[in-house]
Amino acid sequence: MQKQTTARSDLLRKSVFFEDLLPKILRGIYRLEPGLTVGDLTLAQLRLCILLQSHSKSMSSVSEELGISISAVTQLADRLEHMGMVERTLHTDDRRSKELSLTEHGRDIMKERKDLRIQRVYDTLRKMPERDIDIVMQALRILLSTCDNIQNDVTVAEFLALS
């Protein structure tokens, strides 16, 4: 029993470390450069633009995916449309429904954002030995596949008792 408790405590310490480390890594990759247009967007506006990168979506679909009201989507769309980032069009199958999509300007801004992040990752990886890069990539694949299968094995009370 002592060995199991020690193993869980060790795993908890590693979890705390990981939870602290991951945002620092992401901030390094996702930080915005001064003067980059995407830096002028609010988080909600950015989330909407990210959602529209793959294809246009109905206002109700955006509402559901972002977990916000349709009126909030309308306000976001109004601001982004004013900035030239998105456009509203009539839905092809239902003319009562509107679809949102990125404009060419919006796609360019989002591509610039992605290219900058890729460059930051590239600059980081090129400082690492190939063997370490392979280890990091394998670890990320394992983490992603594990996240897809997460089940809460530990209750909140058990978790707090470990800390």
Protein backbone atom coordinates (compact mmCIF):
# COMPACT_ATOMS: atom_id res chain seq x y z
CA MET A 1 0.00 0.00 0.00
CA GLN A 2 2.85 2.41 0.90
CA LYS A 3 4.47 1.75 -2.49
CA GLN A 4 1.21 2.55 -4.32
CA THR A 5 0.75 5.79 -2.33
CA THR A 6 4.34 6.81 -3.08
CA ALA A 7 3.83 6.08 -6.78
CA ARG A 8 0.62 8.15 -6.81
CA SER A 9 2.36 11.01 -4.96
CA ASP A 10 5.20 10.92 -7.47
CA LEU A 11 2.70 10.95 -10.33
CA LEU A 12 0.90 13.89 -8.70
CA ARG A 13 4.18 15.85 -8.44
CA LYS A 14 4.87 15.13 -12.12
CA SER A 15 1.31 16.21 -12.99
CA VAL A 16 1.81 19.52 -11.17
CA PHE A 17 5.12 20.04 -12.97
CA PHE A 18 3.55 19.21 -16.34
CA GLU A 19 0.58 21.51 -15.70
CA ASP A 20 3.02 24.33 -14.91
CA LEU A 21 5.36 23.60 -17.83
CA LEU A 22 2.89 23.19 -20.69
CA PRO A 23 1.46 26.73 -20.60
CA LYS A 24 5.01 28.14 -20.57
CA ILE A 25 5.85 26.15 -23.69
CA LEU A 26 2.63 27.23 -25.40
CA ARG A 27 3.17 30.88 -24.47
CA GLY A 28 6.57 30.68 -26.13
CA ILE A 29 5.04 29.36 -29.32
CA TYR A 30 1.83 31.42 -29.33
CA ARG A 31 3.09 34.80 -28.14
CA LEU A 32 2.18 37.59 -30.50
CA GLU A 33 4.58 39.89 -32.24
CA PRO A 34 3.91 43.63 -31.99
CA GLY A 35 2.18 44.90 -35.09
CA LEU A 36 0.73 41.52 -36.06
CA THR A 37 -2.95 42.13 -36.89
CA VAL A 38 -4.11 39.01 -35.08
CA GLY A 39 -2.81 40.66 -31.89
CA ASP A 40 -5.66 43.15 -32.19
CA LEU A 41 -8.25 40.40 -31.83
CA THR A 42 -9.90 39.49 -28.56
CA LEU A 43 -9.67 35.87 -27.47
CA ALA A 44 -13.30 35.29 -28.47
CA GLN A 45 -12.69 36.79 -31.93
CA LEU A 46 -9.56 34.67 -32.35
CA ARG A 47 -11.45 31.51 -31.34
CA LEU A 48 -14.09 32.29 -33.96
CA CYS A 49 -11.46 32.82 -36.66
CA ILE A 50 -9.73 29.56 -35.71
CA LEU A 51 -13.08 27.77 -35.98
CA LEU A 52 -13.62 29.18 -39.49
CA GLN A 53 -10.17 28.24 -40.81
CA SER A 54 -11.26 24.89 -42.19
CA HIS A 55 -14.56 25.99 -43.76
CA SER A 56 -17.55 28.27 -43.37
CA LYS A 57 -20.06 27.53 -40.63
CA SER A 58 -23.60 28.52 -39.81
CA MET A 59 -24.15 31.02 -37.00
CA SER A 60 -25.93 28.34 -34.95
CA SER A 61 -23.07 25.88 -35.49
CA VAL A 62 -20.58 28.50 -34.30
CA SER A 63 -22.79 29.19 -31.29
CA GLU A 64 -22.82 25.51 -30.35
CA GLU A 65 -19.11 24.92 -30.94
CA LEU A 66 -18.01 27.98 -28.97
CA GLY A 67 -20.65 27.51 -26.28
CA ILE A 68 -22.02 31.04 -26.62
CA SER A 69 -25.37 32.51 -27.59
CA ILE A 70 -26.26 33.33 -31.18
CA SER A 71 -26.48 37.02 -30.21
CA ALA A 72 -22.88 36.83 -28.92
CA VAL A 73 -21.84 35.22 -32.22
CA THR A 74 -23.62 38.04 -34.06
CA GLN A 75 -21.69 40.66 -32.04
CA LEU A 76 -18.38 38.89 -32.73
CA ALA A 77 -19.24 38.60 -36.42
CA ASP A 78 -20.18 42.31 -36.57
CA ARG A 79 -16.77 43.34 -35.21
CA LEU A 80 -14.82 40.89 -37.35
CA GLU A 81 -16.79 41.88 -40.43
CA HIS A 82 -15.98 45.52 -39.71
CA MET A 83 -12.28 44.55 -39.53
CA GLY A 84 -12.56 42.75 -42.86
CA MET A 85 -11.81 39.35 -41.30
CA VAL A 86 -15.11 37.52 -41.88
CA GLU A 87 -18.10 37.73 -44.16
CA ARG A 88 -21.67 36.58 -43.83
CA THR A 89 -23.38 34.85 -46.71
CA LEU A 90 -26.73 33.17 -47.17
CA HIS A 91 -26.64 29.44 -46.51
CA THR A 92 -26.87 27.56 -49.81
CA ASP A 93 -29.54 25.13 -48.57
CA ASP A 94 -31.49 27.41 -46.23
CA ARG A 95 -31.74 31.05 -47.33
CA ARG A 96 -33.02 32.05 -43.87
CA SER A 97 -29.72 30.96 -42.34
CA LYS A 98 -26.43 32.85 -42.57
CA GLU A 99 -22.97 31.35 -42.82
CA LEU A 100 -19.75 32.87 -41.58
CA SER A 101 -16.47 32.45 -43.39
CA LEU A 102 -13.06 34.05 -43.30
CA THR A 103 -12.40 36.64 -45.97
CA GLU A 104 -9.18 36.50 -47.98
CA HIS A 105 -7.78 39.06 -45.53
CA GLY A 106 -8.88 36.87 -42.60
CA ARG A 107 -7.27 33.78 -44.16
CA ASP A 108 -4.05 35.74 -44.75
CA ILE A 109 -3.94 36.91 -41.12
CA MET A 110 -4.58 33.41 -39.79
CA LYS A 111 -1.93 31.97 -42.14
CA GLU A 112 0.55 34.58 -40.94
CA ARG A 113 -0.23 33.55 -37.36
CA LYS A 114 0.28 29.86 -38.14
CA ASP A 115 3.48 30.50 -40.11
CA LEU A 116 4.91 32.45 -37.17
CA ARG A 117 4.13 29.59 -34.76
CA ILE A 118 5.71 27.05 -37.11
CA GLN A 119 8.81 29.23 -37.38
CA ARG A 120 9.07 29.40 -33.57
CA VAL A 121 8.80 25.63 -33.27
CA TYR A 122 11.37 25.20 -36.05
CA ASP A 123 13.78 27.61 -34.35
CA THR A 124 13.39 25.66 -31.11
CA LEU A 125 13.76 22.21 -32.66
CA ARG A 126 16.84 23.11 -34.70
CA LYS A 127 18.68 23.77 -31.43
CA MET A 128 18.00 20.20 -30.30
CA PRO A 129 19.75 16.97 -31.26
CA GLU A 130 17.72 14.82 -33.68
CA ARG A 131 17.43 12.07 -31.04
CA ASP A 132 15.79 14.49 -28.58
CA ILE A 133 13.39 15.73 -31.26
CA ASP A 134 12.32 12.14 -31.92
CA ILE A 135 11.78 11.57 -28.18
CA VAL A 136 9.65 14.72 -27.87
CA MET A 137 7.58 13.83 -30.94
CA GLN A 138 6.97 10.29 -29.65
CA ALA A 139 6.03 11.61 -26.21
CA LEU A 140 3.55 14.05 -27.75
CA ARG A 141 1.97 11.27 -29.82
CA ILE A 142 1.60 9.11 -26.71
CA LEU A 143 0.15 12.02 -24.73
CA LEU A 144 -2.36 12.81 -27.47
CA SER A 145 -3.53 9.23 -27.79
CA THR A 146 -3.82 8.96 -24.02
CA CYS A 147 -5.80 12.21 -23.80
CA ASP A 148 -8.28 10.77 -26.29
CA ASN A 149 -8.92 7.90 -23.87
CA ILE A 150 -8.96 9.75 -20.54
CA GLN A 151 -11.20 8.45 -17.81
CA ASN A 152 -11.25 10.04 -14.40
CA ASP A 153 -9.80 7.17 -12.38
CA VAL A 154 -9.20 9.34 -9.33
CA THR A 155 -12.03 11.15 -7.58
CA VAL A 156 -11.54 14.76 -6.57
CA ALA A 157 -11.42 13.73 -2.89
CA GLU A 158 -8.71 11.14 -3.63
CA PHE A 159 -6.79 13.68 -5.68
CA LEU A 160 -6.90 16.27 -2.91
CA ALA A 161 -5.86 13.66 -0.36
CA LEU A 162 -2.73 13.01 -2.44
CA SER A 163 -1.66 16.63 -2.39
